[in-house]
């Protein structure tokens, strides 16, 4: 019972992160700008760990995939790819 709830909590954290990024893109500030990236990264890492510890099944697959994709979106694009795209010649 506890393992299934861990997968559910991980999936809920992923959904909360998606809602926060949609609000951020549309200009709605639910949290201050200084803490939005740490919340996204911390929520994704916590959701990923909880989902990995959870029960095997569809919730686990969706939680792991969603949190990993979100981490890639939040970390890899701004830190690694964006400087190459937006730097001057």
N, C-alpha and C. Protein backbone atom coordinates (compact mmCIF):
# COMPACT_ATOMS: atom_id res chain seq x y z
N UNK A 1 0.82 -1.20 0.00
CA UNK A 1 0.00 0.00 0.00
C UNK A 1 0.86 1.26 0.00
N UNK A 2 1.94 1.24 0.76
CA UNK A 2 2.80 2.42 0.83
C UNK A 2 3.53 2.62 -0.49
N UNK A 3 3.94 1.53 -1.15
CA UNK A 3 4.66 1.67 -2.42
C UNK A 3 3.78 2.31 -3.49
N UNK A 4 2.50 1.96 -3.52
CA UNK A 4 1.61 2.56 -4.50
C UNK A 4 1.42 4.04 -4.22
N UNK A 5 1.36 4.42 -2.96
CA UNK A 5 1.19 5.83 -2.64
C UNK A 5 2.44 6.63 -2.99
N UNK A 6 3.63 6.01 -2.91
CA UNK A 6 4.85 6.70 -3.31
C UNK A 6 4.81 7.03 -4.81
N UNK A 7 4.36 6.07 -5.62
CA UNK A 7 4.24 6.33 -7.06
C UNK A 7 3.22 7.42 -7.33
N UNK A 8 2.13 7.42 -6.59
CA UNK A 8 1.11 8.44 -6.77
C UNK A 8 1.62 9.82 -6.38
N UNK A 9 2.35 9.91 -5.29
CA UNK A 9 2.91 11.19 -4.85
C UNK A 9 3.92 11.70 -5.88
N UNK A 10 4.75 10.81 -6.44
CA UNK A 10 5.69 11.20 -7.49
C UNK A 10 5.00 11.73 -8.72
N UNK A 11 3.89 11.10 -9.10
CA UNK A 11 3.12 11.56 -10.25
C UNK A 11 2.45 12.90 -9.95
N UNK A 12 1.97 13.09 -8.74
CA UNK A 12 1.35 14.37 -8.36
C UNK A 12 2.38 15.49 -8.38
N UNK A 13 3.60 15.21 -7.93
CA UNK A 13 4.67 16.22 -7.99
C UNK A 13 4.96 16.61 -9.44
N UNK A 14 4.95 15.64 -10.34
CA UNK A 14 5.15 15.93 -11.76
C UNK A 14 4.03 16.84 -12.29
N UNK A 15 2.80 16.53 -11.92
CA UNK A 15 1.66 17.34 -12.39
C UNK A 15 1.75 18.76 -11.83
N UNK A 16 2.15 18.89 -10.57
CA UNK A 16 2.31 20.22 -9.98
C UNK A 16 3.39 21.01 -10.71
N UNK A 17 4.49 20.35 -11.06
CA UNK A 17 5.56 21.03 -11.80
C UNK A 17 5.08 21.48 -13.17
N UNK A 18 4.29 20.66 -13.83
CA UNK A 18 3.76 21.03 -15.15
C UNK A 18 2.83 22.23 -15.02
N UNK A 19 1.98 22.23 -14.01
CA UNK A 19 1.08 23.36 -13.79
C UNK A 19 1.88 24.63 -13.50
N UNK A 20 2.92 24.52 -12.67
CA UNK A 20 3.75 25.70 -12.37
C UNK A 20 4.45 26.24 -13.60
N UNK A 21 4.95 25.36 -14.47
CA UNK A 21 5.64 25.86 -15.67
C UNK A 21 4.64 26.46 -16.66
N UNK A 22 3.43 25.93 -16.73
CA UNK A 22 2.43 26.54 -17.61
C UNK A 22 2.03 27.93 -17.11
N UNK A 23 1.88 28.08 -15.80
CA UNK A 23 1.60 29.40 -15.25
C UNK A 23 2.77 30.35 -15.48
N UNK A 24 4.00 29.85 -15.31
CA UNK A 24 5.19 30.68 -15.50
C UNK A 24 5.29 31.16 -16.95
N UNK A 25 5.01 30.30 -17.89
CA UNK A 25 5.07 30.67 -19.30
C UNK A 25 4.02 31.73 -19.63
N UNK A 26 2.85 31.64 -19.00
CA UNK A 26 1.77 32.59 -19.25
C UNK A 26 1.88 33.86 -18.43
N UNK A 27 2.91 33.99 -17.60
CA UNK A 27 3.14 35.22 -16.86
C UNK A 27 2.48 35.30 -15.50
N UNK A 28 1.89 34.21 -15.02
CA UNK A 28 1.26 34.20 -13.70
C UNK A 28 2.32 33.79 -12.68
N UNK A 29 2.56 34.62 -11.67
CA UNK A 29 3.58 34.34 -10.67
C UNK A 29 2.94 33.75 -9.42
N UNK A 30 2.94 32.42 -9.32
CA UNK A 30 2.46 31.76 -8.11
C UNK A 30 3.52 31.78 -7.03
N UNK A 31 4.77 31.70 -7.44
CA UNK A 31 5.91 31.78 -6.52
C UNK A 31 6.86 32.84 -7.06
N UNK A 32 7.69 33.42 -6.20
CA UNK A 32 8.64 34.43 -6.69
C UNK A 32 9.61 33.84 -7.71
N UNK A 33 10.12 34.69 -8.59
CA UNK A 33 11.00 34.23 -9.67
C UNK A 33 12.30 33.63 -9.16
N UNK A 34 12.76 34.04 -7.99
CA UNK A 34 14.03 33.52 -7.47
C UNK A 34 13.92 32.07 -7.03
N UNK A 35 12.75 31.61 -6.69
CA UNK A 35 12.61 30.24 -6.18
C UNK A 35 11.93 29.29 -7.15
N UNK A 36 11.58 29.78 -8.34
CA UNK A 36 10.84 28.91 -9.25
C UNK A 36 11.71 27.77 -9.79
N UNK A 37 12.95 28.04 -10.14
CA UNK A 37 13.82 26.97 -10.64
C UNK A 37 14.19 25.95 -9.56
N UNK A 38 14.53 26.39 -8.34
CA UNK A 38 14.77 25.37 -7.30
C UNK A 38 13.54 24.52 -6.99
N UNK A 39 12.35 25.11 -7.06
CA UNK A 39 11.12 24.33 -6.83
C UNK A 39 10.96 23.31 -7.94
N UNK A 40 11.18 23.71 -9.19
CA UNK A 40 11.05 22.77 -10.31
C UNK A 40 12.06 21.63 -10.19
N UNK A 41 13.30 21.98 -9.92
CA UNK A 41 14.36 20.96 -9.86
C UNK A 41 14.15 20.06 -8.64
N UNK A 42 13.89 20.65 -7.48
CA UNK A 42 13.67 19.86 -6.28
C UNK A 42 12.43 18.98 -6.39
N UNK A 43 11.37 19.51 -6.95
CA UNK A 43 10.15 18.72 -7.13
C UNK A 43 10.35 17.57 -8.09
N UNK A 44 11.11 17.81 -9.15
CA UNK A 44 11.37 16.74 -10.12
C UNK A 44 12.26 15.65 -9.53
N UNK A 45 13.29 16.05 -8.80
CA UNK A 45 14.19 15.05 -8.20
C UNK A 45 13.44 14.26 -7.13
N UNK A 46 12.68 14.93 -6.28
CA UNK A 46 11.91 14.24 -5.25
C UNK A 46 10.86 13.33 -5.88
N UNK A 47 10.17 13.81 -6.91
CA UNK A 47 9.19 12.98 -7.61
C UNK A 47 9.83 11.77 -8.26
N UNK A 48 11.02 11.96 -8.82
CA UNK A 48 11.73 10.84 -9.45
C UNK A 48 12.13 9.79 -8.42
N UNK A 49 12.66 10.23 -7.28
CA UNK A 49 13.07 9.29 -6.24
C UNK A 49 11.86 8.55 -5.67
N UNK A 50 10.78 9.27 -5.39
CA UNK A 50 9.59 8.62 -4.85
C UNK A 50 8.99 7.64 -5.84
N UNK A 51 9.00 8.00 -7.11
CA UNK A 51 8.44 7.11 -8.12
C UNK A 51 9.30 5.87 -8.30
N UNK A 52 10.61 6.01 -8.23
CA UNK A 52 11.49 4.84 -8.34
C UNK A 52 11.26 3.90 -7.16
N UNK A 53 11.03 4.45 -5.98
CA UNK A 53 10.80 3.62 -4.80
C UNK A 53 9.39 3.02 -4.76
N UNK A 54 8.51 3.51 -5.63
CA UNK A 54 7.12 3.07 -5.62
C UNK A 54 6.90 1.73 -6.29
N UNK A 55 5.63 1.33 -6.30
CA UNK A 55 5.22 0.05 -6.86
C UNK A 55 5.33 0.06 -8.38
N UNK A 56 5.75 -1.06 -8.95
CA UNK A 56 5.86 -1.16 -10.40
C UNK A 56 4.47 -1.13 -11.02
N UNK A 57 4.38 -0.43 -12.14
CA UNK A 57 3.11 -0.31 -12.82
C UNK A 57 3.08 0.92 -13.70
N UNK A 58 1.89 1.25 -14.14
CA UNK A 58 1.72 2.37 -15.06
C UNK A 58 2.05 3.71 -14.40
N UNK A 59 1.66 3.88 -13.14
CA UNK A 59 1.97 5.13 -12.44
C UNK A 59 3.47 5.34 -12.34
N UNK A 60 4.20 4.27 -12.10
CA UNK A 60 5.66 4.37 -11.99
C UNK A 60 6.28 4.78 -13.32
N UNK A 61 5.82 4.17 -14.40
CA UNK A 61 6.37 4.49 -15.73
C UNK A 61 6.08 5.94 -16.10
N UNK A 62 4.85 6.38 -15.85
CA UNK A 62 4.48 7.76 -16.17
C UNK A 62 5.26 8.74 -15.30
N UNK A 63 5.40 8.44 -14.01
CA UNK A 63 6.12 9.32 -13.09
C UNK A 63 7.59 9.43 -13.43
N UNK A 64 8.24 8.30 -13.71
CA UNK A 64 9.66 8.33 -14.06
C UNK A 64 9.88 9.07 -15.37
N UNK A 65 9.08 8.75 -16.37
CA UNK A 65 9.23 9.41 -17.68
C UNK A 65 8.97 10.90 -17.58
N UNK A 66 7.90 11.28 -16.91
CA UNK A 66 7.55 12.69 -16.80
C UNK A 66 8.58 13.48 -16.02
N UNK A 67 9.02 12.96 -14.90
CA UNK A 67 10.01 13.68 -14.10
C UNK A 67 11.36 13.77 -14.80
N UNK A 68 11.77 12.72 -15.50
CA UNK A 68 13.02 12.79 -16.26
C UNK A 68 12.94 13.80 -17.40
N UNK A 69 11.82 13.80 -18.12
CA UNK A 69 11.66 14.78 -19.20
C UNK A 69 11.62 16.20 -18.65
N UNK A 70 10.99 16.37 -17.50
CA UNK A 70 10.94 17.70 -16.90
C UNK A 70 12.32 18.15 -16.45
N UNK A 71 13.10 17.24 -15.88
CA UNK A 71 14.47 17.59 -15.51
C UNK A 71 15.30 17.97 -16.73
N UNK A 72 15.11 17.24 -17.82
CA UNK A 72 15.83 17.60 -19.05
C UNK A 72 15.40 18.97 -19.54
N UNK A 73 14.12 19.26 -19.46
CA UNK A 73 13.60 20.55 -19.91
C UNK A 73 14.12 21.69 -19.05
N UNK A 74 14.19 21.48 -17.75
CA UNK A 74 14.57 22.55 -16.83
C UNK A 74 16.08 22.71 -16.71
N UNK A 75 16.83 21.62 -16.79
CA UNK A 75 18.28 21.70 -16.58
C UNK A 75 19.06 21.73 -17.88
N UNK A 76 18.83 20.78 -18.74
CA UNK A 76 19.68 20.64 -19.93
C UNK A 76 19.47 21.79 -20.91
N UNK A 77 18.23 22.16 -21.19
CA UNK A 77 18.02 23.22 -22.17
C UNK A 77 18.57 24.56 -21.71
N UNK A 78 18.22 25.06 -20.53
CA UNK A 78 18.74 26.38 -20.16
C UNK A 78 20.24 26.42 -19.91
N UNK A 79 20.80 25.36 -19.37
CA UNK A 79 22.20 25.41 -18.97
C UNK A 79 23.14 25.06 -20.12
N UNK A 80 22.80 24.08 -20.91
CA UNK A 80 23.73 23.57 -21.92
C UNK A 80 23.39 24.07 -23.33
N UNK A 81 22.14 23.98 -23.73
CA UNK A 81 21.79 24.27 -25.12
C UNK A 81 21.57 25.76 -25.37
N UNK A 82 20.91 26.46 -24.46
CA UNK A 82 20.57 27.87 -24.68
C UNK A 82 21.77 28.77 -24.92
N UNK A 83 22.90 28.62 -24.20
CA UNK A 83 24.05 29.51 -24.50
C UNK A 83 24.56 29.36 -25.93
N UNK A 84 24.46 28.17 -26.49
CA UNK A 84 24.91 27.99 -27.87
C UNK A 84 23.93 28.58 -28.87
N UNK A 85 22.64 28.55 -28.54
CA UNK A 85 21.65 29.08 -29.46
C UNK A 85 21.56 30.60 -29.44
N UNK A 86 21.72 31.19 -28.28
CA UNK A 86 21.48 32.62 -28.14
C UNK A 86 22.74 33.45 -27.98
N UNK A 87 23.90 32.88 -28.22
CA UNK A 87 25.13 33.66 -28.14
C UNK A 87 25.40 34.32 -29.50
N UNK A 88 26.03 35.43 -29.46
CA UNK A 88 26.32 36.15 -30.69
C UNK A 88 27.49 35.55 -31.45
N UNK A 89 27.63 35.90 -32.71
CA UNK A 89 28.73 35.34 -33.51
C UNK A 89 30.07 35.89 -33.12
